[in-house]
Amino acid sequence: MPQPLNQPETPLPAGAWRPDALVAALRHAGLRPMQARDAAKVWMNAYYREGLDRDAALARVPPVQAAQLAPLLADDRPLLKVEEVVALDHTRRLLWQTADGLVIESVIIPADNGQRVTLCVSSQVGCGRRCAFCETGRLGLVRNLGVDEIVGQFRLANAIWNDVRDALPAISNVVFMGMGEPLDNLDNVVDAIAVLTHDWVYGLSARKISVSTVGVAKNFGAFFARSSANLALSLNAPDDARRSQLMPVNQRVPMADLKSALLASLPRGRSVLVEYILFAGLNDAPADAELLRAWLEGVPARLNLIPANPGPDARLQSPTQEAVWAFQKQLLDAGVRVMVRYPHGRDVGGACGQLAGAHRQKRGQREEANG
């Protein structure tokens, strides 16, 4: 079960409060337990579910409680939507500007069968992990996103989607697979999940939230102890030489150590999602499938095969459809739980590994035009 953190310093940005922490702060300010709970619930319902701003939501709270609540709520740090692009498959890539003028992206992804909608969110501005296939890694790490900026992506994207979705379902799933390495921003990611899953906010199921990591093994135990969300491990190679080529993190934590750390920290009864991007001629041979099967042996895992999307290295290309199917069949025949995850939003730069690419390209073109 998620564990509450120490009481934060106040005030916090309006969207940064965990419900349990806000109730505790209100009690510390002098409200009785029921008063504190009711004030936090009313304010959070108005702020998140109705989409009111800080002050309008505060006006919904009875005056006595509001007088104690107001000093705890710093001004909003709103995200400004600067671009919304709809792909041929109806995926929507959203470009946000933060209050300090930085840029992040989110992606609304309707499932092909129309039965669910997923929001891909960012956890950092840029990323310091520099994976060879990822556009975001070329930016380097600028800073972590706060809880309010992470949850704010859902808050705004949810409103956008509800205006256009017609008969399609509401957003029910969240994947931390956007810009950044979530386990490098562990505290804020865990708190954001606690907000998103709380009944006073959006009441999402933790089982429908996945946090993708390149393999920050030192934080596996803390993640599992503090969150019931799913962990998705980005593996992408069948041996150390090729994984180090694609993902510099492997030089610090080789694959054997990564597997040991995962097995040591994974709670009983829980499994992990392993992601494997297929690159033509690099990691898609029958021998590679066998090496991957061997690494997965003993790991409670589901495997996602992801045909590579166009990225910063033109040498990293997607295999043919026939090669993808053959790779999958070999693993299925060996008893591996495996599926192919096909790209969404590739034509608008919204697929796996592409975030921030379109914005950087446009910025470069503007800089060239200005001399």
Protein backbone atom coordinates (compact mmCIF):
# COMPACT_ATOMS: atom_id res chain seq x y z
CA MET A 1 0.00 0.00 0.00
CA PRO A 2 1.23 3.58 -0.67
CA GLN A 3 2.87 5.15 2.37
CA PRO A 4 2.32 8.82 3.31
CA LEU A 5 5.36 11.05 3.20
CA ASN A 6 6.47 13.43 5.93
CA GLN A 7 4.35 16.54 6.29
CA PRO A 8 5.46 18.98 3.56
CA GLU A 9 6.38 22.58 4.11
CA THR A 10 3.58 24.99 3.28
CA PRO A 11 2.18 26.53 1.24
CA LEU A 12 2.28 24.18 -1.75
CA PRO A 13 1.03 24.91 -5.27
CA ALA A 14 -2.68 24.18 -5.33
CA GLY A 15 -2.38 21.00 -7.39
CA ALA A 16 0.57 19.56 -5.47
CA TRP A 17 -1.24 18.39 -2.33
CA ARG A 18 -1.80 14.72 -1.62
CA PRO A 19 -5.24 14.37 -0.02
CA ASP A 20 -3.88 12.70 3.12
CA ALA A 21 -1.23 15.38 3.55
CA LEU A 22 -3.76 18.18 3.08
CA VAL A 23 -6.07 16.69 5.72
CA ALA A 24 -3.13 16.39 8.12
CA ALA A 25 -2.10 20.01 7.48
CA LEU A 26 -5.64 21.23 8.14
CA ARG A 27 -5.78 19.29 11.39
CA HIS A 28 -2.43 20.80 12.36
CA ALA A 29 -3.94 24.23 11.61
CA GLY A 30 -6.65 23.56 14.20
CA LEU A 31 -9.58 21.99 12.39
CA ARG A 32 -11.32 18.98 13.87
CA PRO A 33 -10.79 15.70 11.95
CA MET A 34 -14.18 15.76 10.23
CA GLN A 35 -13.85 19.46 9.37
CA ALA A 36 -10.40 18.86 7.87
CA ARG A 37 -11.59 15.92 5.84
CA ASP A 38 -14.69 17.70 4.54
CA ALA A 39 -12.75 20.86 3.60
CA ALA A 40 -10.13 18.90 1.69
CA LYS A 41 -12.75 16.77 -0.07
CA VAL A 42 -14.91 19.73 -1.15
CA TRP A 43 -11.94 21.71 -2.41
CA MET A 44 -10.39 18.80 -4.31
CA ASN A 45 -13.67 17.81 -5.94
CA ALA A 46 -14.17 21.37 -7.16
CA TYR A 47 -10.56 21.84 -8.28
CA TYR A 48 -10.08 18.53 -10.07
CA ARG A 49 -13.46 17.11 -11.05
CA GLU A 50 -15.10 20.45 -11.89
CA GLY A 51 -11.89 22.06 -13.15
CA LEU A 52 -12.28 25.26 -11.12
CA ASP A 53 -9.23 27.37 -10.34
CA ARG A 54 -7.75 27.67 -6.84
CA ASP A 55 -9.90 30.57 -5.63
CA ALA A 56 -13.16 29.43 -7.22
CA ALA A 57 -12.72 25.99 -5.65
CA LEU A 58 -11.90 27.63 -2.31
CA ALA A 59 -15.20 29.53 -2.45
CA ARG A 60 -17.00 26.17 -2.25
CA VAL A 61 -15.53 25.50 1.20
CA PRO A 62 -17.36 26.80 4.31
CA PRO A 63 -15.77 30.05 5.54
CA VAL A 64 -14.29 28.68 8.80
CA GLN A 65 -12.53 25.84 7.00
CA ALA A 66 -11.61 28.04 4.04
CA ALA A 67 -9.81 30.44 6.36
CA GLN A 68 -7.50 27.59 7.41
CA LEU A 69 -7.21 26.12 3.93
CA ALA A 70 -6.31 29.27 1.98
CA PRO A 71 -2.83 29.78 3.54
CA LEU A 72 -1.88 26.21 2.58
CA LEU A 73 -2.60 26.76 -1.13
CA ALA A 74 -0.02 28.68 -3.10
CA ASP A 75 -0.99 30.11 -6.46
CA ASP A 76 -1.44 27.69 -9.35
CA ARG A 77 1.49 27.03 -11.67
CA PRO A 78 -0.68 26.56 -14.75
CA LEU A 79 0.37 24.71 -17.86
CA LEU A 80 -0.36 26.58 -21.08
CA LYS A 81 -1.36 24.55 -24.11
CA VAL A 82 0.68 25.83 -27.05
CA GLU A 83 0.00 23.05 -29.54
CA GLU A 84 -2.50 20.25 -30.10
CA VAL A 85 -1.97 17.94 -33.06
CA VAL A 86 -4.30 15.08 -33.99
CA ALA A 87 -2.82 12.02 -35.70
CA LEU A 88 -4.49 9.88 -38.35
CA ASP A 89 -5.32 7.30 -35.67
CA HIS A 90 -6.92 10.03 -33.48
CA THR A 91 -4.00 10.16 -31.06
CA ARG A 92 -3.59 13.70 -29.74
CA ARG A 93 -0.15 15.12 -28.97
CA LEU A 94 -0.30 18.05 -26.56
CA LEU A 95 2.55 20.52 -26.14
CA TRP A 96 2.52 22.41 -22.84
CA GLN A 97 4.50 25.42 -21.63
CA THR A 98 5.26 25.46 -17.92
CA ALA A 99 4.99 28.56 -15.76
CA ASP A 100 8.75 29.12 -16.10
CA GLY A 101 8.63 28.91 -19.90
CA LEU A 102 9.80 25.32 -20.45
CA VAL A 103 8.19 22.77 -22.74
CA ILE A 104 6.77 19.29 -22.04
CA GLU A 105 4.45 16.96 -23.92
CA SER A 106 1.55 14.60 -23.20
CA VAL A 107 -0.29 12.23 -25.53
CA ILE A 108 -3.94 11.10 -25.48
CA ILE A 109 -4.09 7.59 -26.96
CA PRO A 110 -7.45 6.00 -27.82
CA ALA A 111 -7.18 2.21 -28.11
CA ASP A 112 -7.73 0.75 -31.56
CA ASN A 113 -10.79 -1.16 -30.29
CA GLY A 114 -12.31 1.99 -28.81
CA GLN A 115 -12.66 0.42 -25.37
CA ARG A 116 -10.15 2.51 -23.40
CA VAL A 117 -8.21 5.76 -23.59
CA THR A 118 -4.73 6.25 -22.16
CA LEU A 119 -2.86 9.42 -21.30
CA CYS A 120 0.92 9.38 -21.61
CA VAL A 121 2.43 11.97 -19.23
CA SER A 122 5.88 13.46 -18.74
CA SER A 123 7.71 13.40 -15.42
CA GLN A 124 10.68 15.65 -16.24
CA VAL A 125 11.61 18.48 -18.57
CA GLY A 126 14.03 16.66 -20.81
CA CYS A 127 15.86 13.55 -19.63
CA GLY A 128 19.38 12.78 -18.48
CA ARG A 129 19.48 9.12 -19.52
CA ARG A 130 20.37 9.73 -23.18
CA CYS A 131 19.02 6.54 -24.76
CA ALA A 132 20.11 6.36 -28.39
CA PHE A 133 16.59 5.89 -29.77
CA CYS A 134 14.86 8.67 -27.81
CA GLU A 135 14.36 12.27 -28.92
CA THR A 136 13.85 13.47 -25.35
CA GLY A 137 17.30 12.20 -24.34
CA ARG A 138 18.92 14.64 -26.76
CA LEU A 139 17.58 17.52 -24.68
CA GLY A 140 19.41 16.52 -21.50
CA LEU A 141 17.78 16.95 -18.12
CA VAL A 142 16.48 20.44 -17.36
CA ARG A 143 14.50 19.79 -14.17
CA ASN A 144 11.98 17.52 -12.48
CA LEU A 145 8.29 18.25 -12.82
CA GLY A 146 6.34 18.96 -9.64
CA VAL A 147 3.31 16.98 -8.52
CA ASP A 148 1.06 19.79 -9.71
CA GLU A 149 2.68 19.79 -13.17
CA ILE A 150 2.33 16.02 -13.52
CA VAL A 151 -1.29 15.90 -12.32
CA GLY A 152 -1.92 19.12 -14.26
CA GLN A 153 -1.26 17.27 -17.51
CA PHE A 154 -4.09 14.90 -16.66
CA ARG A 155 -6.36 17.69 -15.44
CA LEU A 156 -6.06 19.65 -18.68
CA ALA A 157 -5.91 16.69 -21.06
CA ASN A 158 -8.99 15.21 -19.40
CA ALA A 159 -10.93 18.42 -20.03
CA ILE A 160 -9.76 18.53 -23.64
CA TRP A 161 -10.72 14.91 -24.22
CA ASN A 162 -14.13 15.23 -22.59
CA ASP A 163 -14.96 18.04 -25.01
CA VAL A 164 -14.23 15.95 -28.11
CA ARG A 165 -14.63 12.28 -27.25
CA ASP A 166 -18.32 11.88 -28.17
CA ALA A 167 -19.15 8.20 -27.58
CA LEU A 168 -15.58 7.17 -26.77
CA PRO A 169 -14.73 6.42 -23.12
CA ALA A 170 -13.11 8.83 -20.71
CA ILE A 171 -9.40 8.62 -19.96
CA SER A 172 -8.97 5.67 -17.61
CA ASN A 173 -5.29 4.71 -18.00
CA VAL A 174 -2.10 6.67 -17.39
CA VAL A 175 1.41 5.75 -18.51
CA PHE A 176 4.49 7.59 -17.30
CA MET A 177 6.19 7.07 -20.65
CA GLY A 178 6.51 10.67 -21.78
CA MET A 179 9.49 12.93 -21.34
CA GLY A 180 11.86 12.00 -18.52
CA GLU A 181 12.86 9.05 -16.34
CA PRO A 182 10.13 8.72 -13.68
CA LEU A 183 12.30 6.93 -11.10
CA ASP A 184 14.72 9.88 -11.18
CA ASN A 185 11.78 11.95 -9.89
CA LEU A 186 10.44 9.27 -7.57
CA ASP A 187 8.90 11.39 -4.80
CA ASN A 188 6.85 13.56 -7.13
CA VAL A 189 5.78 10.64 -9.33
CA VAL A 190 4.60 8.61 -6.32
CA ASP A 191 2.69 11.59 -4.93
CA ALA A 192 1.13 12.31 -8.34
CA ILE A 193 -0.11 8.70 -8.50
CA ALA A 194 -1.56 9.08 -4.99
CA VAL A 195 -3.49 12.15 -6.18
CA LEU A 196 -4.71 10.59 -9.43
CA THR A 197 -5.98 7.46 -7.69
CA HIS A 198 -7.74 9.16 -4.78
CA ASP A 199 -11.54 9.07 -4.73
CA TRP A 200 -11.71 12.82 -4.12
CA VAL A 201 -9.76 13.50 -7.30
CA TYR A 202 -10.11 11.15 -10.30
CA GLY A 203 -10.33 7.78 -8.58
CA LEU A 204 -8.17 6.02 -11.17
CA SER A 205 -7.18 2.44 -10.50
CA ALA A 206 -3.50 1.99 -9.64
CA ARG A 207 -3.63 -1.16 -11.76
CA LYS A 208 -4.28 1.09 -14.77
CA ILE A 209 -1.22 3.25 -14.16
CA SER A 210 2.20 2.17 -15.48
CA VAL A 211 5.55 3.80 -14.73
CA SER A 212 8.26 3.13 -17.30
CA THR A 213 11.93 3.10 -16.32
CA VAL A 214 15.22 2.51 -18.10
CA GLY A 215 16.20 0.50 -15.03
CA VAL A 216 17.02 2.79 -12.09
CA ALA A 217 17.53 -0.27 -9.92
CA LYS A 218 18.37 1.61 -6.72
CA ASN A 219 14.80 2.94 -6.63
CA PHE A 220 12.91 -0.29 -7.37
CA GLY A 221 12.31 -1.12 -3.72
CA ALA A 222 11.10 2.37 -2.83
CA PHE A 223 8.74 2.44 -5.79
CA PHE A 224 7.11 -0.88 -4.92
CA ALA A 225 6.88 0.06 -1.23
CA ARG A 226 5.19 3.39 -1.92
CA SER A 227 2.97 2.72 -4.93
CA SER A 228 0.63 0.04 -6.22
CA ALA A 229 1.08 1.16 -9.82
CA ASN A 230 2.70 -1.08 -12.40
CA LEU A 231 6.39 -0.92 -13.23
CA ALA A 232 7.40 -1.14 -16.89
CA LEU A 233 11.06 -1.96 -17.48
CA SER A 234 12.55 -0.80 -20.78
CA LEU A 235 15.01 -3.58 -21.69
CA ASN A 236 15.46 -3.28 -25.48
CA ALA A 237 18.44 -5.60 -25.94
CA PRO A 238 19.27 -9.24 -25.24
CA ASP A 239 22.83 -8.73 -23.97
CA ASP A 240 25.02 -6.16 -22.23
CA ALA A 241 26.99 -5.06 -25.28
CA ARG A 242 23.95 -4.01 -27.26
CA ARG A 243 22.02 -2.66 -24.28
CA SER A 244 24.97 -0.44 -23.34
CA GLN A 245 25.06 0.76 -26.95
CA LEU A 246 21.39 1.73 -26.79
CA MET A 247 21.06 2.68 -23.12
CA PRO A 248 24.02 4.15 -21.19
CA VAL A 249 22.40 3.16 -17.87
CA ASN A 250 23.44 -0.44 -18.60
CA GLN A 251 27.08 0.49 -18.06
CA ARG A 252 26.22 1.14 -14.39
CA VAL A 253 23.73 -1.69 -13.91
CA PRO A 254 24.39 -4.63 -16.27
CA MET A 255 21.55 -6.94 -17.17
CA ALA A 256 22.34 -9.64 -14.62
CA ASP A 257 22.41 -7.05 -11.81
CA LEU A 258 19.24 -5.47 -13.16
CA LYS A 259 17.43 -8.80 -13.02
CA SER A 260 18.71 -9.52 -9.52
CA ALA A 261 17.59 -6.09 -8.28
CA LEU A 262 14.16 -6.55 -9.82
CA LEU A 263 13.61 -9.99 -8.30
CA ALA A 264 14.85 -8.80 -4.90
CA SER A 265 12.41 -5.87 -4.77
CA LEU A 266 9.34 -7.18 -6.61
CA PRO A 267 6.63 -7.93 -4.03
CA ARG A 268 5.07 -11.37 -3.96
CA GLY A 269 2.10 -11.56 -6.29
CA ARG A 270 3.13 -8.61 -8.44
CA SER A 271 4.54 -8.74 -11.95
CA VAL A 272 6.47 -6.37 -14.17
CA LEU A 273 5.92 -5.25 -17.76
CA VAL A 274 9.09 -5.63 -19.84
CA GLU A 275 9.34 -3.46 -22.95
CA TYR A 276 11.56 -4.47 -25.86
CA ILE A 277 11.91 -2.14 -28.84
CA LEU A 278 12.71 -4.09 -32.00
CA PHE A 279 15.40 -2.64 -34.27
CA ALA A 280 16.02 -4.20 -37.67
CA GLY A 281 19.28 -6.12 -37.79
CA LEU A 282 20.26 -5.15 -34.25
CA ASN A 283 18.13 -7.12 -31.78
CA ASP A 284 15.49 -8.97 -33.80
CA ALA A 285 17.18 -12.26 -34.78
CA PRO A 286 16.04 -15.71 -33.58
CA ALA A 287 19.15 -15.94 -31.41
CA ASP A 288 18.17 -12.63 -29.80
CA ALA A 289 14.71 -13.97 -28.99
CA GLU A 290 16.32 -16.93 -27.23
CA LEU A 291 18.63 -14.66 -25.20
CA LEU A 292 15.62 -12.55 -24.23
CA ARG A 293 13.68 -15.66 -23.19
CA ALA A 294 16.59 -16.73 -21.01
CA TRP A 295 16.77 -13.32 -19.30
CA LEU A 296 13.04 -13.42 -18.61
CA GLU A 297 13.20 -16.89 -17.07
CA GLY A 298 12.09 -16.71 -13.44
CA VAL A 299 10.78 -13.14 -13.76
CA PRO A 300 6.99 -12.67 -13.28
CA ALA A 301 6.62 -10.61 -16.43
CA ARG A 302 4.56 -9.70 -19.44
CA LEU A 303 6.55 -8.73 -22.52
CA ASN A 304 5.66 -5.93 -24.93
CA LEU A 305 7.41 -5.93 -28.29
CA ILE A 306 7.52 -2.44 -29.81
CA PRO A 307 8.51 -1.94 -33.46
CA ALA A 308 10.92 1.00 -33.47
CA ASN A 309 9.64 4.46 -34.33
CA PRO A 310 11.66 7.01 -36.30
CA GLY A 311 14.02 8.73 -33.87
CA PRO A 312 17.24 10.70 -33.62
CA ASP A 313 19.45 7.90 -35.03
CA ALA A 314 18.51 7.10 -38.62
CA ARG A 315 20.37 3.77 -38.39
CA LEU A 316 17.79 2.44 -35.91
CA GLN A 317 14.95 1.23 -38.11
CA SER A 318 11.86 -0.89 -37.52
CA PRO A 319 11.93 -4.52 -38.67
CA THR A 320 9.50 -5.80 -41.28
CA GLN A 321 6.10 -6.90 -40.08
CA GLU A 322 7.05 -10.49 -40.87
CA ALA A 323 10.17 -10.23 -38.68
CA VAL A 324 8.11 -8.84 -35.78
CA TRP A 325 5.61 -11.67 -36.05
CA ALA A 326 8.35 -14.29 -36.24
CA PHE A 327 10.05 -12.87 -33.15
CA GLN A 328 6.77 -12.89 -31.26
CA LYS A 329 5.89 -16.44 -32.36
CA GLN A 330 9.23 -17.79 -31.20
CA LEU A 331 8.66 -16.35 -27.74
CA LEU A 332 5.03 -17.49 -27.61
CA ASP A 333 6.12 -21.01 -28.52
CA ALA A 334 8.63 -20.85 -25.66
CA GLY A 335 5.87 -19.99 -23.17
CA VAL A 336 6.51 -16.25 -22.82
CA ARG A 337 3.51 -13.96 -22.30
CA VAL A 338 4.15 -11.54 -25.14
CA MET A 339 2.21 -9.10 -27.29
CA VAL A 340 3.13 -6.55 -29.93
CA ARG A 341 2.42 -2.92 -29.09
CA TYR A 342 1.93 -1.05 -32.32
CA PRO A 343 2.68 2.68 -32.48
CA HIS A 344 0.10 5.40 -32.00
CA GLY A 345 0.58 8.96 -33.16
CA ARG A 346 3.76 8.28 -35.12
CA ASP A 347 2.80 10.69 -37.92
CA VAL A 348 2.64 13.64 -35.49
CA GLY A 349 5.72 12.76 -33.42
CA GLY A 350 3.65 11.37 -30.56
CA ALA A 351 4.85 7.76 -30.51
CA CYS A 352 7.32 6.07 -28.16
CA GLY A 353 10.69 7.87 -28.20
CA GLN A 354 9.49 10.80 -30.30
CA LEU A 355 8.35 13.35 -27.71
CA ALA A 356 9.95 16.81 -27.91
CA GLY A 357 11.25 16.01 -31.38
CA ALA A 358 8.65 17.95 -33.32
CA HIS A 359 8.99 21.02 -31.11
CA ARG A 360 12.79 20.99 -31.30
CA GLN A 361 12.67 20.64 -35.09
CA LYS A 362 10.33 23.61 -35.43
CA ARG A 363 12.47 25.67 -33.05
CA GLY A 364 15.56 24.89 -35.13
CA GLN A 365 13.80 25.90 -38.30
CA ARG A 366 12.76 29.21 -36.72
CA GLU A 367 16.30 29.88 -35.55
CA GLU A 368 17.66 29.20 -39.05
CA ALA A 369 15.04 31.48 -40.60
CA ASN A 370 16.00 34.27 -38.19
CA GLY A 371 19.65 33.95 -39.14
